[in-house]
């Protein structure tokens, strides 16, 4: 198996274990055993569990970044691109939360770890918002005095909406789990 495929397999296994058991309850031994690889192989790619966790988060952010890149190539007016960018962001967060199960709780418990990994993504998203807002100003579609400030407001508003989306998904998942646990009559 190639280096890239081995690393990817380790990340997929770790994501699954983190999603089902949580970060704290998952060990490097668990990841090695579940992947069918030895601990030596695991430690060749990752120094510790936190490094794997960062890599999992980074992959989720790369998915989001890819979707935002697609939005930026659309032939559309700036306001349409902004709405599409926001929808792509929130849809991707919804998908990530649903895909990662228990990991969703870890995002809140380890918010500083997540924010550390997320910093470069946030800067890129802000840059895209500035670009779209400035495009709208240049075309006379928007009347904004401070494009940077407006991009900040939009960016932090979308980040705030993430919490709402995560909460809605968590409630939905909890209701589904409760229904599954009830004995059928």
N, C-alpha and C. Protein backbone atom coordinates (compact mmCIF):
# COMPACT_ATOMS: atom_id res chain seq x y z
N UNK A 1 0.85 -1.17 0.00
CA UNK A 1 0.00 0.00 0.00
C UNK A 1 0.90 1.24 0.00
N UNK A 2 0.54 2.24 -0.78
CA UNK A 2 1.37 3.44 -0.87
C UNK A 2 1.30 4.24 0.43
N UNK A 3 2.26 5.13 0.57
CA UNK A 3 2.32 5.98 1.77
C UNK A 3 1.04 6.76 1.93
N UNK A 4 0.56 7.35 0.85
CA UNK A 4 -0.66 8.16 0.91
C UNK A 4 -1.86 7.31 1.30
N UNK A 5 -1.98 6.10 0.71
CA UNK A 5 -3.11 5.24 1.02
C UNK A 5 -3.04 4.73 2.45
N UNK A 6 -1.86 4.41 2.93
CA UNK A 6 -1.71 3.95 4.31
C UNK A 6 -2.10 5.06 5.28
N UNK A 7 -1.61 6.25 5.04
CA UNK A 7 -1.94 7.39 5.91
C UNK A 7 -3.45 7.65 5.90
N UNK A 8 -4.03 7.61 4.70
CA UNK A 8 -5.47 7.85 4.57
C UNK A 8 -6.27 6.79 5.31
N UNK A 9 -5.84 5.54 5.21
CA UNK A 9 -6.52 4.44 5.91
C UNK A 9 -6.46 4.66 7.43
N UNK A 10 -5.30 5.07 7.92
CA UNK A 10 -5.15 5.35 9.35
C UNK A 10 -6.09 6.47 9.78
N UNK A 11 -6.20 7.51 8.96
CA UNK A 11 -7.09 8.64 9.27
C UNK A 11 -8.56 8.20 9.28
N UNK A 12 -8.95 7.39 8.30
CA UNK A 12 -10.33 6.91 8.25
C UNK A 12 -10.67 6.08 9.48
N UNK A 13 -9.76 5.21 9.87
CA UNK A 13 -9.97 4.37 11.05
C UNK A 13 -10.04 5.25 12.30
N UNK A 14 -9.12 6.19 12.41
CA UNK A 14 -9.12 7.09 13.58
C UNK A 14 -10.41 7.90 13.63
N UNK A 15 -10.85 8.43 12.49
CA UNK A 15 -12.10 9.21 12.45
C UNK A 15 -13.25 8.36 12.95
N UNK A 16 -13.33 7.13 12.49
CA UNK A 16 -14.41 6.24 12.91
C UNK A 16 -14.36 5.96 14.41
N UNK A 17 -13.17 5.68 14.91
CA UNK A 17 -13.03 5.42 16.35
C UNK A 17 -13.34 6.67 17.17
N UNK A 18 -12.85 7.82 16.74
CA UNK A 18 -13.15 9.07 17.45
C UNK A 18 -14.66 9.31 17.44
N UNK A 19 -15.30 9.02 16.30
CA UNK A 19 -16.74 9.26 16.18
C UNK A 19 -17.54 8.35 17.11
N UNK A 20 -17.10 7.12 17.27
CA UNK A 20 -17.86 6.18 18.10
C UNK A 20 -17.47 6.21 19.57
N UNK A 21 -16.19 6.40 19.84
CA UNK A 21 -15.72 6.33 21.23
C UNK A 21 -15.39 7.69 21.82
N UNK A 22 -15.07 8.64 20.97
CA UNK A 22 -14.60 9.93 21.43
C UNK A 22 -13.08 9.96 21.43
N UNK A 23 -12.54 11.14 21.48
CA UNK A 23 -11.09 11.33 21.43
C UNK A 23 -10.41 10.72 22.66
N UNK A 24 -10.94 11.03 23.82
CA UNK A 24 -10.30 10.58 25.07
C UNK A 24 -10.28 9.07 25.22
N UNK A 25 -11.34 8.39 24.77
CA UNK A 25 -11.44 6.94 24.96
C UNK A 25 -10.71 6.14 23.88
N UNK A 26 -10.22 6.81 22.86
CA UNK A 26 -9.51 6.12 21.78
C UNK A 26 -8.01 6.21 22.02
N UNK A 27 -7.34 5.08 21.90
CA UNK A 27 -5.89 5.06 22.10
C UNK A 27 -5.17 4.82 20.77
N UNK A 28 -3.89 5.07 20.76
CA UNK A 28 -3.08 4.77 19.58
C UNK A 28 -3.13 3.27 19.29
N UNK A 29 -3.14 2.44 20.34
CA UNK A 29 -3.24 0.98 20.15
C UNK A 29 -4.55 0.62 19.46
N UNK A 30 -5.64 1.28 19.85
CA UNK A 30 -6.94 1.03 19.22
C UNK A 30 -6.88 1.33 17.72
N UNK A 31 -6.27 2.45 17.38
CA UNK A 31 -6.18 2.85 15.98
C UNK A 31 -5.33 1.86 15.19
N UNK A 32 -4.19 1.48 15.76
CA UNK A 32 -3.31 0.51 15.09
C UNK A 32 -4.03 -0.82 14.88
N UNK A 33 -4.69 -1.31 15.92
CA UNK A 33 -5.37 -2.61 15.83
C UNK A 33 -6.52 -2.56 14.82
N UNK A 34 -7.34 -1.52 14.89
CA UNK A 34 -8.50 -1.41 14.00
C UNK A 34 -8.09 -1.22 12.54
N UNK A 35 -6.91 -0.66 12.31
CA UNK A 35 -6.45 -0.42 10.94
C UNK A 35 -5.74 -1.64 10.36
N UNK A 36 -5.43 -2.61 11.22
CA UNK A 36 -4.70 -3.78 10.77
C UNK A 36 -3.22 -3.48 10.55
N UNK A 37 -2.76 -2.41 11.11
CA UNK A 37 -1.36 -1.99 11.00
C UNK A 37 -0.74 -2.05 12.39
N UNK A 38 0.55 -2.13 12.42
CA UNK A 38 1.25 -2.14 13.69
C UNK A 38 1.41 -0.74 14.25
N UNK A 39 1.73 -0.69 15.53
CA UNK A 39 1.97 0.61 16.18
C UNK A 39 3.12 1.34 15.51
N UNK A 40 4.14 0.61 15.08
CA UNK A 40 5.29 1.24 14.43
C UNK A 40 4.84 2.00 13.18
N UNK A 41 3.95 1.39 12.40
CA UNK A 41 3.43 2.06 11.19
C UNK A 41 2.66 3.31 11.58
N UNK A 42 1.81 3.19 12.59
CA UNK A 42 1.03 4.34 13.04
C UNK A 42 1.95 5.48 13.46
N UNK A 43 2.99 5.15 14.25
CA UNK A 43 3.90 6.19 14.73
C UNK A 43 4.83 6.72 13.63
N UNK A 44 4.92 6.02 12.52
CA UNK A 44 5.67 6.53 11.37
C UNK A 44 4.96 7.74 10.78
N UNK A 45 3.63 7.70 10.82
CA UNK A 45 2.83 8.77 10.23
C UNK A 45 2.42 9.85 11.22
N UNK A 46 2.23 9.48 12.47
CA UNK A 46 1.72 10.42 13.48
C UNK A 46 2.47 10.24 14.79
N UNK A 47 2.85 11.35 15.40
CA UNK A 47 3.57 11.29 16.68
C UNK A 47 2.69 10.89 17.84
N UNK A 48 1.41 11.31 17.78
CA UNK A 48 0.51 11.04 18.89
C UNK A 48 -0.95 11.17 18.44
N UNK A 49 -1.84 10.88 19.33
CA UNK A 49 -3.27 10.90 19.03
C UNK A 49 -3.75 12.30 18.65
N UNK A 50 -3.22 13.32 19.30
CA UNK A 50 -3.63 14.68 18.99
C UNK A 50 -3.26 15.06 17.56
N UNK A 51 -2.12 14.58 17.09
CA UNK A 51 -1.72 14.86 15.71
C UNK A 51 -2.70 14.20 14.73
N UNK A 52 -3.17 13.02 15.05
CA UNK A 52 -4.17 12.36 14.20
C UNK A 52 -5.47 13.16 14.24
N UNK A 53 -5.86 13.60 15.42
CA UNK A 53 -7.07 14.40 15.58
C UNK A 53 -6.99 15.67 14.73
N UNK A 54 -5.84 16.35 14.79
CA UNK A 54 -5.64 17.54 13.95
C UNK A 54 -5.80 17.19 12.47
N UNK A 55 -5.24 16.06 12.07
CA UNK A 55 -5.32 15.66 10.66
C UNK A 55 -6.77 15.38 10.25
N UNK A 56 -7.55 14.79 11.14
CA UNK A 56 -8.96 14.54 10.86
C UNK A 56 -9.70 15.86 10.68
N UNK A 57 -9.47 16.80 11.58
CA UNK A 57 -10.11 18.12 11.48
C UNK A 57 -9.66 18.81 10.20
N UNK A 58 -8.37 18.74 9.92
CA UNK A 58 -7.85 19.39 8.72
C UNK A 58 -8.51 18.83 7.46
N UNK A 59 -8.73 17.53 7.41
CA UNK A 59 -9.42 16.92 6.27
C UNK A 59 -10.83 17.47 6.11
N UNK A 60 -11.54 17.62 7.23
CA UNK A 60 -12.89 18.18 7.16
C UNK A 60 -12.85 19.61 6.63
N UNK A 61 -11.87 20.37 7.08
CA UNK A 61 -11.74 21.75 6.60
C UNK A 61 -11.34 21.80 5.13
N UNK A 62 -10.56 20.83 4.69
CA UNK A 62 -10.19 20.77 3.26
C UNK A 62 -11.41 20.48 2.40
N UNK A 63 -12.31 19.63 2.90
CA UNK A 63 -13.57 19.38 2.17
C UNK A 63 -14.33 20.68 2.00
N UNK A 64 -14.43 21.42 3.09
CA UNK A 64 -15.14 22.69 3.07
C UNK A 64 -14.45 23.68 2.13
N UNK A 65 -13.15 23.74 2.20
CA UNK A 65 -12.38 24.65 1.34
C UNK A 65 -12.59 24.30 -0.13
N UNK A 66 -12.60 23.01 -0.45
CA UNK A 66 -12.84 22.58 -1.83
C UNK A 66 -14.20 23.04 -2.32
N UNK A 67 -15.22 22.89 -1.48
CA UNK A 67 -16.57 23.32 -1.87
C UNK A 67 -16.63 24.83 -2.06
N UNK A 68 -15.94 25.56 -1.22
CA UNK A 68 -15.91 27.02 -1.37
C UNK A 68 -15.19 27.41 -2.65
N UNK A 69 -14.15 26.67 -3.01
CA UNK A 69 -13.44 26.93 -4.26
C UNK A 69 -14.35 26.75 -5.46
N UNK A 70 -15.20 25.74 -5.41
CA UNK A 70 -16.16 25.52 -6.50
C UNK A 70 -17.12 26.71 -6.60
N UNK A 71 -17.60 27.19 -5.45
CA UNK A 71 -18.51 28.34 -5.45
C UNK A 71 -17.85 29.55 -6.10
N UNK A 72 -16.58 29.74 -5.83
CA UNK A 72 -15.89 30.92 -6.37
C UNK A 72 -15.76 30.87 -7.89
N UNK A 73 -15.87 29.69 -8.48
CA UNK A 73 -15.75 29.58 -9.94
C UNK A 73 -17.10 29.70 -10.64
N UNK A 74 -18.18 29.79 -9.88
CA UNK A 74 -19.51 29.91 -10.49
C UNK A 74 -19.64 31.20 -11.29
N UNK A 75 -20.37 31.11 -12.39
CA UNK A 75 -20.72 32.30 -13.15
C UNK A 75 -21.99 32.85 -12.52
N UNK A 76 -21.83 33.74 -11.56
CA UNK A 76 -22.98 34.28 -10.84
C UNK A 76 -22.62 35.66 -10.29
N UNK A 77 -23.66 36.38 -9.91
CA UNK A 77 -23.46 37.71 -9.30
C UNK A 77 -22.86 37.52 -7.90
N UNK A 78 -22.16 38.56 -7.43
CA UNK A 78 -21.50 38.45 -6.11
C UNK A 78 -22.44 38.03 -4.98
N UNK A 79 -23.66 38.57 -4.95
CA UNK A 79 -24.58 38.22 -3.86
C UNK A 79 -24.98 36.75 -3.94
N UNK A 80 -25.13 36.21 -5.15
CA UNK A 80 -25.45 34.80 -5.30
C UNK A 80 -24.29 33.94 -4.83
N UNK A 81 -23.08 34.37 -5.15
CA UNK A 81 -21.90 33.62 -4.70
C UNK A 81 -21.78 33.65 -3.18
N UNK A 82 -22.09 34.79 -2.59
CA UNK A 82 -22.02 34.89 -1.12
C UNK A 82 -23.01 33.92 -0.48
N UNK A 83 -24.26 33.92 -0.98
CA UNK A 83 -25.24 32.99 -0.45
C UNK A 83 -24.79 31.55 -0.66
N UNK A 84 -24.27 31.25 -1.84
CA UNK A 84 -23.79 29.90 -2.13
C UNK A 84 -22.63 29.51 -1.22
N UNK A 85 -21.74 30.47 -0.95
CA UNK A 85 -20.61 30.23 -0.06
C UNK A 85 -21.10 29.88 1.35
N UNK A 86 -22.07 30.65 1.83
CA UNK A 86 -22.62 30.41 3.17
C UNK A 86 -23.33 29.06 3.22
N UNK A 87 -24.14 28.77 2.21
CA UNK A 87 -24.83 27.48 2.19
C UNK A 87 -23.84 26.32 2.10
N UNK A 88 -22.82 26.46 1.27
CA UNK A 88 -21.81 25.41 1.15
C UNK A 88 -21.13 25.19 2.50
N UNK A 89 -20.82 26.28 3.19
CA UNK A 89 -20.17 26.21 4.50
C UNK A 89 -21.07 25.45 5.48
N UNK A 90 -22.31 25.88 5.61
CA UNK A 90 -23.20 25.27 6.60
C UNK A 90 -23.57 23.84 6.23
N UNK A 91 -23.77 23.56 4.94
CA UNK A 91 -24.06 22.19 4.53
C UNK A 91 -22.89 21.26 4.84
N UNK A 92 -21.68 21.74 4.61
CA UNK A 92 -20.50 20.92 4.87
C UNK A 92 -20.34 20.67 6.36
N UNK A 93 -20.62 21.67 7.17
CA UNK A 93 -20.57 21.49 8.63
C UNK A 93 -21.61 20.46 9.05
N UNK A 94 -22.82 20.57 8.50
CA UNK A 94 -23.88 19.61 8.82
C UNK A 94 -23.44 18.19 8.46
N UNK A 95 -22.86 18.03 7.27
CA UNK A 95 -22.39 16.71 6.84
C UNK A 95 -21.28 16.20 7.76
N UNK A 96 -20.36 17.08 8.14
CA UNK A 96 -19.25 16.68 9.01
C UNK A 96 -19.75 16.23 10.37
N UNK A 97 -20.71 16.96 10.91
CA UNK A 97 -21.26 16.60 12.22
C UNK A 97 -21.98 15.26 12.14
N UNK A 98 -22.77 15.08 11.10
CA UNK A 98 -23.50 13.81 10.94
C UNK A 98 -22.52 12.66 10.72
N UNK A 99 -21.47 12.89 9.94
CA UNK A 99 -20.51 11.83 9.61
C UNK A 99 -19.66 11.45 10.82
N UNK A 100 -19.39 12.38 11.69
CA UNK A 100 -18.41 12.16 12.74
C UNK A 100 -18.99 11.82 14.10
N UNK A 101 -20.28 11.60 14.20
CA UNK A 101 -20.88 11.09 15.43
C UNK A 101 -20.39 11.77 16.70
N UNK A 102 -19.85 10.97 17.61
CA UNK A 102 -19.41 11.45 18.92
C UNK A 102 -18.33 12.53 18.81
N UNK A 103 -17.62 12.53 17.71
CA UNK A 103 -16.57 13.53 17.51
C UNK A 103 -17.13 14.94 17.63
N UNK A 104 -18.43 15.10 17.32
CA UNK A 104 -19.04 16.43 17.39
C UNK A 104 -18.92 17.02 18.79
N UNK A 105 -19.05 16.21 19.82
CA UNK A 105 -18.90 16.71 21.19
C UNK A 105 -17.46 17.12 21.46
N UNK A 106 -16.52 16.40 20.87
CA UNK A 106 -15.11 16.71 21.06
C UNK A 106 -14.77 18.09 20.50
N UNK A 107 -15.47 18.49 19.43
CA UNK A 107 -15.20 19.79 18.83
C UNK A 107 -15.43 20.89 19.86
N UNK A 108 -16.42 20.73 20.73
CA UNK A 108 -16.70 21.75 21.73
C UNK A 108 -15.78 21.62 22.94
N UNK A 109 -15.48 20.39 23.36
CA UNK A 109 -14.59 20.21 24.50
C UNK A 109 -13.17 20.65 24.18
N UNK A 110 -12.78 20.49 22.93
CA UNK A 110 -11.41 20.81 22.52
C UNK A 110 -11.40 21.99 21.55
N UNK A 111 -12.23 22.98 21.83
CA UNK A 111 -12.42 24.09 20.89
C UNK A 111 -11.10 24.79 20.56
N UNK A 112 -10.18 24.89 21.51
CA UNK A 112 -8.92 25.57 21.22
C UNK A 112 -8.05 24.76 20.26
N UNK A 113 -8.12 23.43 20.38
CA UNK A 113 -7.41 22.58 19.42
C UNK A 113 -7.99 22.79 18.02
N UNK A 114 -9.31 22.80 17.94
CA UNK A 114 -9.97 22.97 16.65
C UNK A 114 -9.64 24.34 16.07
N UNK A 115 -9.72 25.37 16.88
CA UNK A 115 -9.45 26.73 16.39
C UNK A 115 -8.01 26.87 15.90
N UNK A 116 -7.09 26.18 16.53
CA UNK A 116 -5.69 26.23 16.11
C UNK A 116 -5.56 25.68 14.69
N UNK A 117 -6.20 24.55 14.43
CA UNK A 117 -6.15 23.93 13.11
C UNK A 117 -6.93 24.77 12.11
N UNK A 118 -7.98 25.39 12.56
CA UNK A 118 -8.91 26.10 11.70
C UNK A 118 -8.43 27.49 11.29
N UNK A 119 -7.42 28.01 11.91
CA UNK A 119 -6.98 29.39 11.68
C UNK A 119 -6.73 29.70 10.20
N UNK A 120 -5.99 28.87 9.52
CA UNK A 120 -5.68 29.11 8.10
C UNK A 120 -6.95 29.06 7.26
N UNK A 121 -7.85 28.13 7.58
CA UNK A 121 -9.11 28.06 6.85
C UNK A 121 -9.91 29.34 7.04
N UNK A 122 -10.02 29.80 8.28
CA UNK A 122 -10.77 31.02 8.57
C UNK A 122 -10.21 32.21 7.81
N UNK A 123 -8.89 32.30 7.75
CA UNK A 123 -8.27 33.41 7.01
C UNK A 123 -8.61 33.33 5.53
N UNK A 124 -8.63 32.13 4.97
CA UNK A 124 -8.98 31.94 3.56
C UNK A 124 -10.44 32.30 3.31
N UNK A 125 -11.32 31.85 4.20
CA UNK A 125 -12.74 32.17 4.05
C UNK A 125 -12.96 33.68 4.13
N UNK A 126 -12.28 34.33 5.03
CA UNK A 126 -12.39 35.79 5.16
C UNK A 126 -11.92 36.46 3.87
N UNK A 127 -10.81 35.98 3.32
CA UNK A 127 -10.28 36.55 2.08
C UNK A 127 -11.29 36.41 0.94
N UNK A 128 -11.95 35.27 0.87
CA UNK A 128 -12.96 35.04 -0.17
C UNK A 128 -14.15 35.99 0.00
N UNK A 129 -14.57 36.19 1.24
CA UNK A 129 -15.66 37.12 1.50
C UNK A 129 -15.28 38.54 1.11
N UNK A 130 -14.07 38.95 1.45
CA UNK A 130 -13.60 40.28 1.06
C UNK A 130 -13.62 40.40 -0.46
N UNK A 131 -13.12 39.38 -1.13
CA UNK A 131 -13.08 39.39 -2.59
C UNK A 131 -14.47 39.55 -3.19
N UNK A 132 -15.44 38.78 -2.69
CA UNK A 132 -16.81 38.86 -3.22
C UNK A 132 -17.48 40.18 -2.89
N UNK A 133 -17.27 40.66 -1.68
CA UNK A 133 -17.86 41.95 -1.30
C UNK A 133 -17.26 43.08 -2.14
N UNK A 134 -15.96 43.04 -2.33
CA UNK A 134 -15.32 44.09 -3.13
C UNK A 134 -15.80 44.02 -4.58
N UNK A 135 -15.97 42.81 -5.09
CA UNK A 135 -16.50 42.64 -6.45
C UNK A 135 -17.89 43.29 -6.55
N UNK A 136 -18.72 43.06 -5.53
CA UNK A 136 -20.05 43.67 -5.51
C UNK A 136 -20.00 45.18 -5.43
N UNK A 137 -19.06 45.71 -4.65
CA UNK A 137 -18.89 47.18 -4.54
C UNK A 137 -18.44 47.73 -5.90
N UNK A 138 -17.46 47.06 -6.50
CA UNK A 138 -16.93 47.52 -7.79
C UNK A 138 -17.99 47.52 -8.88
N UNK A 139 -18.94 46.58 -8.82
CA UNK A 139 -20.01 46.50 -9.81
C UNK A 139 -21.19 47.40 -9.46
N UNK A 140 -21.10 48.09 -8.31
CA UNK A 140 -22.19 48.96 -7.88
C UNK A 140 -23.37 48.20 -7.30
N UNK A 141 -23.19 46.94 -6.98
CA UNK A 141 -24.28 46.12 -6.44
C UNK A 141 -24.39 46.26 -4.92
N UNK A 142 -23.26 46.55 -4.27
CA UNK A 142 -23.23 46.73 -2.82
C UNK A 142 -22.74 48.14 -2.52
N UNK A 143 -23.25 48.67 -1.43
CA UNK A 143 -22.77 49.97 -0.93
C UNK A 143 -22.24 49.72 0.48
N UNK A 144 -20.96 49.44 0.56
CA UNK A 144 -20.32 49.07 1.83
C UNK A 144 -19.14 50.01 2.04
N UNK A 145 -19.13 50.65 3.20
CA UNK A 145 -18.02 51.57 3.50
C UNK A 145 -16.74 50.84 3.87
N UNK A 146 -16.86 49.77 4.63
CA UNK A 146 -15.69 49.04 5.10
C UNK A 146 -15.86 47.55 4.77
N UNK A 147 -15.30 47.15 3.64
CA UNK A 147 -15.45 45.78 3.16
C UNK A 147 -14.85 44.77 4.15
N UNK A 148 -13.69 45.09 4.72
CA UNK A 148 -13.05 44.20 5.68
C UNK A 148 -13.92 43.95 6.90
N UNK A 149 -14.51 45.03 7.41
CA UNK A 149 -15.38 44.90 8.57
C UNK A 149 -16.63 44.07 8.23
N UNK A 150 -17.20 44.32 7.06
CA UNK A 150 -18.38 43.56 6.66
C UNK A 150 -18.02 42.07 6.50
N UNK A 151 -16.84 41.79 5.96
CA UNK A 151 -16.39 40.40 5.83
C UNK A 151 -16.23 39.77 7.21
N UNK A 152 -15.69 40.54 8.17
CA UNK A 152 -15.57 40.04 9.55
C UNK A 152 -16.94 39.68 10.12
N UNK A 153 -17.89 40.59 9.96
CA UNK A 153 -19.24 40.37 10.50
C UNK A 153 -19.86 39.13 9.87
N UNK A 154 -19.74 39.00 8.57
CA UNK A 154 -20.32 37.83 7.88
C UNK A 154 -19.63 36.54 8.32
N UNK A 155 -18.31 36.59 8.37
CA UNK A 155 -17.55 35.40 8.75
C UNK A 155 -17.92 34.92 10.16
N UNK A 156 -17.95 35.84 11.11
CA UNK A 156 -18.26 35.43 12.48
C UNK A 156 -19.74 35.06 12.64
N UNK A 157 -20.61 35.64 11.83
CA UNK A 157 -22.02 35.24 11.85
C UNK A 157 -22.17 33.80 11.37
N UNK A 158 -21.46 33.44 10.31
CA UNK A 158 -21.52 32.07 9.80
C UNK A 158 -20.93 31.10 10.82
N UNK A 159 -19.82 31.51 11.45
CA UNK A 159 -19.25 30.65 12.50
C UNK A 159 -20.24 30.45 13.64
N UNK A 160 -20.98 31.49 13.98
CA UNK A 160 -22.01 31.38 15.01
C UNK A 160 -23.13 30.44 14.58
N UNK A 161 -23.49 30.51 13.31
CA UNK A 161 -24.53 29.61 12.80
C UNK A 161 -24.10 28.15 12.85
N UNK A 162 -22.80 27.90 12.80
CA UNK A 162 -22.30 26.52 12.91
C UNK A 162 -22.79 25.89 14.21
N UNK A 163 -22.76 26.66 15.28
CA UNK A 163 -23.19 26.14 16.58
C UNK A 163 -24.66 25.74 16.52
N UNK A 164 -25.46 26.57 15.86
CA UNK A 164 -26.88 26.27 15.70
C UNK A 164 -27.06 24.99 14.88
N UNK A 165 -26.34 24.88 13.77
CA UNK A 165 -26.42 23.69 12.92
C UNK A 165 -26.00 22.45 13.70
N UNK A 166 -24.90 22.55 14.43
CA UNK A 166 -24.42 21.41 15.22
C UNK A 166 -25.45 21.01 16.27
N UNK A 167 -26.06 21.99 16.91
CA UNK A 167 -27.08 21.72 17.92
C UNK A 167 -28.29 21.02 17.32
N UNK A 168 -28.71 21.47 16.13
CA UNK A 168 -29.86 20.84 15.47
C UNK A 168 -29.54 19.40 15.10
N UNK A 169 -28.35 19.15 14.59
CA UNK A 169 -27.95 17.79 14.21
C UNK A 169 -27.87 16.91 15.46
N UNK A 170 -27.28 17.44 16.52
CA UNK A 170 -27.16 16.67 17.77
C UNK A 170 -28.54 16.27 18.30
N UNK A 171 -29.48 17.22 18.29
CA UNK A 171 -30.84 16.90 18.76
C UNK A 171 -31.45 15.82 17.88
N UNK A 172 -31.28 15.95 16.57
CA UNK A 172 -31.84 14.98 15.63
C UNK A 172 -31.21 13.60 15.86
N UNK A 173 -29.89 13.56 16.03
CA UNK A 173 -29.22 12.28 16.27
C UNK A 173 -29.65 11.67 17.60
N UNK A 174 -29.80 12.49 18.62
CA UNK A 174 -30.22 11.98 19.93
C UNK A 174 -31.64 11.43 19.88
N UNK A 175 -32.54 12.10 19.16
CA UNK A 175 -33.91 11.60 19.03
C UNK A 175 -33.90 10.28 18.29
N UNK A 176 -33.13 10.18 17.21
CA UNK A 176 -33.05 8.93 16.46
C UNK A 176 -32.46 7.80 17.32
N UNK A 177 -31.47 8.11 18.14
CA UNK A 177 -30.88 7.09 19.02
C UNK A 177 -31.91 6.62 20.05
N UNK A 178 -32.69 7.57 20.62
CA UNK A 178 -33.71 7.20 21.60
C UNK A 178 -34.77 6.31 20.97
N UNK A 179 -35.17 6.64 19.74
CA UNK A 179 -36.16 5.83 19.04
C UNK A 179 -35.63 4.42 18.79
N UNK A 180 -34.37 4.32 18.42
CA UNK A 180 -33.75 3.02 18.14
C UNK A 180 -33.63 2.17 19.40
N UNK A 181 -33.48 2.82 20.55
CA UNK A 181 -33.32 2.09 21.80
C UNK A 181 -34.64 1.62 22.39
N UNK A 182 -35.78 2.19 21.96
CA UNK A 182 -37.07 1.80 22.50
C UNK A 182 -37.47 0.44 21.94
N UNK A 183 -37.98 -0.44 22.80
CA UNK A 183 -38.40 -1.77 22.31
C UNK A 183 -39.59 -1.64 21.38
N UNK A 184 -39.57 -2.42 20.31
CA UNK A 184 -40.69 -2.39 19.37
C UNK A 184 -41.86 -3.21 19.93
N UNK A 185 -43.06 -2.80 19.60
CA UNK A 185 -44.25 -3.46 20.16
C UNK A 185 -44.96 -4.26 19.12
